[in-house]
């Protein structure tokens, strides 16, 4: 399996396009297609914060429908899904930007985006075990003992990380550094917690390099285990990169 796994995009469509082009993909048909048959993977959090969340989600849905993309949901995906179902969710932490995009569309376009995203979300598993169990993609990571399980506790960990229940001053949850304790041979590729550079610890890789906060958008080329990045066009927010300080 040859796959290029991209970190949290958060609506940063220009960087998504630039990164895939740098990886050798062509957009001549409106979606990134690789001449050598490589596919694209996504660790979730497609939307919220960047300028083109719905365009990113639409592109990922089209790739997924054609079998050219592998997607797992993130916590922001979960929140948008619940919004599209009509649930009462707080329009904060970036969701307000996606909702503003959505509200600016004609009703027919709104219905299409809502239908596509619900389809993508409901038919995609919480995490993916690939390449004969040598590769696991999970939004915020996963404990080895939980691979194969799909209960509520596993869902919370995969979507939000190893949360303590405490909050940082900006309202974001305090998370334990689960990767430092991880032991295993298969690769776990995840995002969720912004880092300035791709973070390799054991056989885990965090590829969320904080594009929406002015960092970079990063892809991990598998099985080569090489990272490729492009710089963000968004304003830089230093405090968003302090989770592991």
Protein backbone atom coordinates (compact mmCIF):
# COMPACT_ATOMS: atom_id res chain seq x y z
CA UNK A 1 0.00 0.00 0.00
CA UNK A 2 1.28 3.44 -0.97
CA UNK A 3 -0.54 6.25 0.78
CA UNK A 4 0.12 9.90 1.56
CA UNK A 5 -1.50 10.72 4.91
CA UNK A 6 -2.29 14.40 5.43
CA UNK A 7 -2.60 16.12 8.81
CA UNK A 8 -5.50 18.25 10.03
CA UNK A 9 -6.49 20.53 7.11
CA UNK A 10 -9.14 22.64 8.91
CA UNK A 11 -10.42 24.26 5.73
CA UNK A 12 -6.99 25.31 4.42
CA UNK A 13 -7.77 24.44 0.81
CA UNK A 14 -4.87 26.34 -0.85
CA UNK A 15 -2.33 24.48 1.28
CA UNK A 16 -4.09 21.15 0.64
CA UNK A 17 -3.83 21.71 -3.11
CA UNK A 18 -0.21 22.89 -2.90
CA UNK A 19 0.82 19.93 -0.73
CA UNK A 20 -0.75 17.31 -2.98
CA UNK A 21 0.83 18.91 -6.04
CA UNK A 22 4.20 18.81 -4.26
CA UNK A 23 3.58 15.10 -3.67
CA UNK A 24 3.04 14.58 -7.41
CA UNK A 25 -0.77 14.61 -7.64
CA UNK A 26 -2.62 16.17 -10.58
CA UNK A 27 -5.83 18.19 -10.10
CA UNK A 28 -6.85 18.25 -13.76
CA UNK A 29 -10.16 16.53 -12.93
CA UNK A 30 -10.83 18.61 -9.82
CA UNK A 31 -9.45 16.12 -7.31
CA UNK A 32 -5.85 15.05 -6.55
CA UNK A 33 -4.94 11.89 -8.50
CA UNK A 34 -1.45 10.39 -8.50
CA UNK A 35 0.02 8.97 -11.72
CA UNK A 36 1.59 6.07 -9.82
CA UNK A 37 -1.62 5.00 -8.10
CA UNK A 38 -0.84 6.40 -4.66
CA UNK A 39 -3.88 7.36 -2.58
CA UNK A 40 -4.50 10.09 -0.02
CA UNK A 41 -5.26 9.52 3.66
CA UNK A 42 -6.83 12.00 6.07
CA UNK A 43 -6.56 12.01 9.88
CA UNK A 44 -9.79 13.99 10.27
CA UNK A 45 -10.57 17.62 11.12
CA UNK A 46 -11.13 18.59 7.51
CA UNK A 47 -13.07 21.71 8.46
CA UNK A 48 -13.24 24.72 10.81
CA UNK A 49 -11.01 27.76 10.86
CA UNK A 50 -9.65 27.96 7.31
CA UNK A 51 -11.23 29.78 4.37
CA UNK A 52 -12.69 26.81 2.45
CA UNK A 53 -13.91 24.08 4.78
CA UNK A 54 -16.76 22.91 2.57
CA UNK A 55 -14.49 22.73 -0.49
CA UNK A 56 -12.05 20.54 1.46
CA UNK A 57 -14.87 18.28 2.66
CA UNK A 58 -16.31 18.07 -0.86
CA UNK A 59 -12.91 17.07 -2.29
CA UNK A 60 -12.36 14.40 0.36
CA UNK A 61 -15.86 13.00 -0.22
CA UNK A 62 -15.19 12.77 -3.98
CA UNK A 63 -11.85 11.02 -3.40
CA UNK A 64 -13.47 8.64 -0.92
CA UNK A 65 -16.33 7.80 -3.31
CA UNK A 66 -13.83 6.90 -6.03
CA UNK A 67 -11.71 4.76 -3.71
CA UNK A 68 -8.83 7.23 -3.96
CA UNK A 69 -9.01 8.50 -0.38
CA UNK A 70 -9.07 7.03 3.12
CA UNK A 71 -10.69 9.16 5.81
CA UNK A 72 -11.18 8.87 9.56
CA UNK A 73 -13.18 11.47 11.49
CA UNK A 74 -11.82 13.98 13.97
CA UNK A 75 -13.55 15.83 16.79
CA UNK A 76 -14.34 18.78 14.50
CA UNK A 77 -15.85 16.35 11.98
CA UNK A 78 -17.99 14.90 14.75
CA UNK A 79 -19.19 18.37 15.72
CA UNK A 80 -20.05 19.33 12.13
CA UNK A 81 -21.86 16.03 11.69
CA UNK A 82 -23.97 16.74 14.76
CA UNK A 83 -24.65 20.27 13.48
CA UNK A 84 -25.85 18.85 10.14
CA UNK A 85 -28.15 16.48 12.03
CA UNK A 86 -29.75 19.51 13.68
CA UNK A 87 -28.26 18.95 17.13
CA UNK A 88 -27.60 21.88 19.45
CA UNK A 89 -23.82 22.36 19.20
CA UNK A 90 -21.76 25.40 20.15
CA UNK A 91 -20.54 27.30 17.11
CA UNK A 92 -17.06 27.92 18.53
CA UNK A 93 -13.44 26.81 17.98
CA UNK A 94 -13.77 27.23 14.21
CA UNK A 95 -17.19 25.72 13.57
CA UNK A 96 -18.56 29.25 13.24
CA UNK A 97 -16.43 29.74 10.09
CA UNK A 98 -17.78 26.56 8.49
CA UNK A 99 -21.36 27.49 9.40
CA UNK A 100 -20.86 30.97 7.89
CA UNK A 101 -19.67 29.35 4.63
CA UNK A 102 -22.66 27.02 4.71
CA UNK A 103 -25.19 29.78 5.40
CA UNK A 104 -23.87 31.81 2.45
CA UNK A 105 -24.80 29.05 -0.02
CA UNK A 106 -28.09 28.56 -1.88
CA UNK A 107 -30.39 25.96 -0.33
CA UNK A 108 -29.64 23.38 -3.02
CA UNK A 109 -25.89 23.64 -2.40
CA UNK A 110 -26.43 23.49 1.34
CA UNK A 111 -28.39 20.25 0.92
CA UNK A 112 -25.64 18.73 -1.24
CA UNK A 113 -22.84 19.53 1.22
CA UNK A 114 -24.90 18.34 4.16
CA UNK A 115 -25.83 15.07 2.41
CA UNK A 116 -22.25 14.38 1.28
CA UNK A 117 -20.68 15.03 4.66
CA UNK A 118 -23.22 12.89 6.51
CA UNK A 119 -22.54 10.11 3.97
CA UNK A 120 -18.76 10.40 4.48
CA UNK A 121 -19.00 10.52 8.27
CA UNK A 122 -21.51 7.71 8.76
CA UNK A 123 -19.76 5.28 6.42
CA UNK A 124 -16.20 5.87 7.68
CA UNK A 125 -14.94 3.90 10.69
CA UNK A 126 -13.60 5.64 13.79
CA UNK A 127 -10.06 4.57 12.87
CA UNK A 128 -8.47 2.48 10.14
CA UNK A 129 -6.21 -0.56 10.39
CA UNK A 130 -4.39 -0.94 7.07
CA UNK A 131 -1.55 -2.75 5.29
CA UNK A 132 -1.92 -6.09 7.09
CA UNK A 133 -2.12 -4.30 10.48
CA UNK A 134 1.14 -2.43 9.92
CA UNK A 135 -0.56 0.98 9.73
CA UNK A 136 -3.23 2.53 11.94
CA UNK A 137 -4.74 5.95 11.23
CA UNK A 138 -6.61 7.52 14.17
CA UNK A 139 -7.38 11.21 14.63
CA UNK A 140 -5.89 11.77 18.10
CA UNK A 141 -4.21 8.37 18.37
CA UNK A 142 -5.23 5.10 19.97
CA UNK A 143 -4.00 2.76 22.69
CA UNK A 144 -2.66 -0.53 21.33
CA UNK A 145 -4.99 -2.51 23.59
CA UNK A 146 -7.98 -0.73 22.06
CA UNK A 147 -7.24 -1.59 18.43
CA UNK A 148 -10.22 -3.65 17.30
CA UNK A 149 -12.59 -2.04 19.82
CA UNK A 150 -15.17 0.66 19.08
CA UNK A 151 -16.79 1.48 22.46
CA UNK A 152 -17.52 4.94 23.90
CA UNK A 153 -14.22 5.19 25.80
CA UNK A 154 -12.26 4.33 22.64
CA UNK A 155 -14.26 6.90 20.67
CA UNK A 156 -13.45 9.60 23.23
CA UNK A 157 -9.73 8.77 23.10
CA UNK A 158 -9.58 8.60 19.30
CA UNK A 159 -11.46 11.89 18.82
CA UNK A 160 -10.06 13.94 21.73
CA UNK A 161 -6.85 12.25 22.90
CA UNK A 162 -5.99 11.13 26.42
CA UNK A 163 -7.88 13.94 28.14
CA UNK A 164 -7.59 14.54 31.90
CA UNK A 165 -10.81 16.50 32.38
CA UNK A 166 -8.87 19.71 33.09
CA UNK A 167 -8.82 22.75 30.81
CA UNK A 168 -6.12 25.15 29.63
CA UNK A 169 -6.75 28.90 30.05
CA UNK A 170 -8.02 29.09 26.43
CA UNK A 171 -10.63 26.42 27.16
CA UNK A 172 -8.91 23.55 25.33
CA UNK A 173 -8.63 20.26 27.24
CA UNK A 174 -5.45 19.14 29.00
CA UNK A 175 -4.18 15.94 27.35
CA UNK A 176 -1.68 13.34 28.52
CA UNK A 177 1.20 12.53 26.17
CA UNK A 178 0.08 8.97 25.38
CA UNK A 179 2.68 8.49 22.61
CA UNK A 180 5.55 8.54 25.15
CA UNK A 181 4.13 5.39 26.74
CA UNK A 182 3.33 3.63 23.47
CA UNK A 183 5.08 0.37 22.65
CA UNK A 184 4.38 -1.45 19.41
CA UNK A 185 5.64 -2.26 15.94
CA UNK A 186 2.81 -1.08 13.69
CA UNK A 187 2.77 2.63 12.85
CA UNK A 188 0.10 4.81 14.45
CA UNK A 189 -0.37 8.01 12.44
CA UNK A 190 -2.44 10.76 14.04
CA UNK A 191 -2.96 14.51 14.38
CA UNK A 192 -5.23 16.59 16.63
CA UNK A 193 -2.49 18.19 18.78
CA UNK A 194 -0.55 20.87 16.83
CA UNK A 195 3.23 20.48 16.72
CA UNK A 196 5.79 22.69 14.98
CA UNK A 197 7.42 19.69 13.29
CA UNK A 198 6.17 16.15 12.60
CA UNK A 199 6.65 14.25 15.88
CA UNK A 200 8.08 10.73 15.72
CA UNK A 201 8.06 8.80 19.00
CA UNK A 202 8.60 5.05 18.75
CA UNK A 203 6.21 3.88 16.06
CA UNK A 204 3.86 6.86 16.38
CA UNK A 205 3.79 9.98 14.19
CA UNK A 206 1.88 13.19 14.87
CA UNK A 207 1.46 15.00 11.55
CA UNK A 208 -0.74 17.91 12.69
CA UNK A 209 1.70 20.76 12.14
CA UNK A 210 -0.93 23.40 12.82
CA UNK A 211 -1.74 24.70 9.35
CA UNK A 212 -4.83 26.56 10.58
CA UNK A 213 -2.67 28.27 13.24
CA UNK A 214 -0.02 29.47 10.81
CA UNK A 215 2.29 26.45 10.95
CA UNK A 216 2.50 23.99 8.06
CA UNK A 217 0.38 21.35 6.37
CA UNK A 218 2.22 18.04 6.46
CA UNK A 219 1.85 14.67 4.76
CA UNK A 220 3.49 11.39 5.74
CA UNK A 221 4.47 9.24 2.75
CA UNK A 222 3.88 5.57 3.61
CA UNK A 223 5.65 3.13 3.48
CA UNK A 224 8.62 5.46 2.86
CA UNK A 225 8.01 7.19 6.23
CA UNK A 226 9.07 10.54 4.79
CA UNK A 227 7.28 13.78 5.61
CA UNK A 228 6.53 16.57 3.13
CA UNK A 229 5.22 19.99 4.20
CA UNK A 230 4.08 23.31 2.80
CA UNK A 231 3.87 26.57 4.78
CA UNK A 232 0.57 27.95 5.97
CA UNK A 233 -0.92 31.22 4.75
CA UNK A 234 -2.84 31.67 8.01
CA UNK A 235 -1.76 34.01 10.86
CA UNK A 236 0.70 32.38 13.28
CA UNK A 237 -0.66 31.65 16.78
CA UNK A 238 2.25 30.61 19.02
CA UNK A 239 0.20 29.41 22.00
CA UNK A 240 -1.49 26.72 19.90
CA UNK A 241 1.84 24.86 19.66
CA UNK A 242 2.53 24.49 23.38
CA UNK A 243 0.81 21.18 24.17
CA UNK A 244 4.09 19.30 24.70
CA UNK A 245 6.07 22.14 26.32
